Protein backbone atom coordinates (compact mmCIF):
# COMPACT_ATOMS: atom_id res chain seq x y z
CA MET A 1 108.22 135.91 104.26
CA GLY A 2 104.88 136.46 105.80
CA GLU A 3 103.03 138.14 108.62
CA TRP A 4 99.72 137.51 110.30
CA PHE A 5 97.72 139.66 112.68
CA TYR A 6 94.82 137.79 114.25
CA GLY A 7 91.53 139.50 114.91
CA LYS A 8 88.58 141.41 113.53
CA HIS A 9 90.18 144.85 113.07
CA ASP A 10 92.04 146.96 110.46
CA PHE A 11 95.29 144.98 110.89
CA GLY A 12 93.63 141.52 110.80
CA PHE A 13 95.30 140.15 107.67
CA PHE A 14 97.51 137.25 106.60
CA THR A 15 100.15 138.60 104.21
CA PRO A 16 102.44 136.10 102.44
CA GLY A 17 105.05 137.56 100.12
CA ALA A 18 108.63 137.92 98.97
CA LEU A 19 111.45 140.22 100.09
CA PHE A 20 114.27 141.35 97.79
CA HIS A 21 117.39 143.48 98.42
CA PRO A 22 118.46 144.98 95.05
CA ALA A 23 121.27 146.82 96.89
CA ARG A 24 122.71 146.71 100.39
CA ASP A 25 120.62 149.64 101.62
CA HIS A 26 117.39 149.07 99.62
CA VAL A 27 114.57 146.58 100.15
CA ILE A 28 111.54 145.71 98.01
CA VAL A 29 108.58 143.70 99.35
CA ILE A 30 105.83 142.23 97.18
CA ALA A 31 103.00 140.46 99.00
CA TYR A 32 99.28 139.67 98.89
CA LYS A 33 97.08 140.50 101.88
CA ILE A 34 94.16 138.24 102.78
CA PRO A 35 91.67 139.41 105.44
CA ASN A 36 90.92 137.21 108.47
CA HIS A 37 87.30 138.36 108.35
CA PRO A 38 85.30 140.14 105.62
CA ALA A 39 84.82 143.15 107.94
CA ASN A 40 88.60 143.70 108.01
CA GLY A 41 88.73 144.90 104.42
CA LYS A 42 89.53 143.61 100.95
CA SER A 43 92.32 141.38 99.69
CA GLY A 44 94.98 143.11 97.68
CA LEU A 45 98.49 143.30 96.34
CA VAL A 46 101.07 144.99 98.59
CA PHE A 47 104.22 146.70 97.27
CA GLU A 48 106.72 148.26 99.67
CA TYR A 49 110.03 149.99 99.05
CA GLY A 50 112.47 150.70 101.85
CA PHE A 51 115.74 152.57 102.12
CA PHE A 52 118.22 152.38 105.01
CA PHE A 53 119.58 155.84 105.84
CA GLY A 54 123.12 156.42 107.06
CA GLY A 55 126.08 154.20 106.55
CA GLY A 56 129.25 154.43 104.58
CA LYS A 57 130.26 155.44 101.11
CA ASN A 58 129.68 151.86 99.89
CA GLY A 59 126.03 151.90 100.93
CA GLY A 60 126.50 149.82 104.05
CA HIS A 61 125.03 150.58 107.40
CA HIS A 62 126.25 149.87 110.95
CA ARG A 63 129.84 149.32 109.88
CA ASP A 64 133.04 150.13 111.76
CA ASP A 65 134.87 151.61 108.74
CA ASP A 66 132.48 154.45 107.87
CA GLY A 67 135.12 157.13 108.27
CA PRO A 68 137.42 158.62 110.87
CA GLY A 69 134.57 159.78 113.12
CA HIS A 70 133.07 156.29 113.25
CA GLN A 71 136.08 154.04 113.77
CA SER A 72 136.10 151.54 116.60
CA PRO A 73 138.39 152.44 119.48
CA LYS A 74 141.69 150.63 119.54
CA PRO A 75 141.97 148.20 122.45
CA ASP A 76 144.13 149.39 125.31
CA SER A 77 145.64 146.88 127.72
CA LYS A 78 144.40 148.86 130.76
CA SER A 79 140.87 149.51 129.49
CA SER A 80 140.32 146.03 128.04
CA ASP A 81 141.07 144.39 131.41
CA SER A 82 138.82 146.78 133.32
CA ASN A 83 135.89 146.14 130.96
CA LYS A 84 135.97 142.38 131.44
CA PRO A 85 133.60 140.98 134.05
CA ASP A 86 135.10 139.00 136.92
CA SER A 87 135.00 135.32 136.12
CA LYS A 88 134.98 132.46 138.58
CA PRO A 89 135.50 128.78 137.91
CA ALA A 90 132.39 126.65 137.70
CA PRO A 91 131.45 124.98 140.96
CA LYS A 92 132.51 121.35 141.25
CA PRO A 93 129.73 118.81 141.72
CA ASP A 94 129.43 117.35 145.21
CA ALA A 95 130.81 113.86 145.65
CA ALA A 96 127.82 112.80 147.73
CA PRO A 97 124.76 111.50 145.85
CA PRO A 98 121.59 113.58 146.06
CA PRO A 99 119.21 112.71 148.91
CA GLU A 100 116.66 109.98 148.31
CA THR A 101 113.22 111.21 147.32
CA VAL A 102 109.95 110.10 148.89
CA VAL A 103 109.05 108.16 145.73
CA GLN A 104 112.38 106.33 145.70
CA ARG A 105 111.96 105.33 149.37
CA ALA A 106 108.40 104.11 148.73
CA LEU A 107 109.53 102.03 145.73
CA LYS A 108 112.34 100.44 147.74
CA ARG A 109 109.91 99.53 150.56
CA ALA A 110 107.43 98.08 148.04
CA LEU A 111 110.17 95.96 146.45
CA ARG A 112 111.40 94.70 149.84
CA SER A 113 107.92 93.79 151.00
CA GLY A 114 107.15 91.91 147.77
CA ILE A 115 104.33 94.18 146.57
CA LEU A 116 106.28 94.92 143.37
CA GLU A 117 108.23 92.19 141.66
């Protein structure tokens, strides 16, 4: 992974690195930051640790089976039909060809008159 912020300011660094998930809700990032300009600061090693809050008993997050208070509603025949947007069939293409363009007419005239062969 990597990130790059262009410019001569505090965030102006190129930072290539690696991302690792030791568990479903944990993340570790190891990277090396390289300044775009000497005025931005010094190069250096970056270490980040992240933890995702919330989720179920198995450490997951944004899941539908996180307990009785977080279960997805069961589909109801009345509500499922009312939530669907109205759909219409795709329009059928016209049988008539598109009108001739100015360039097409000019080319035809040039071919008829013998300018283009």
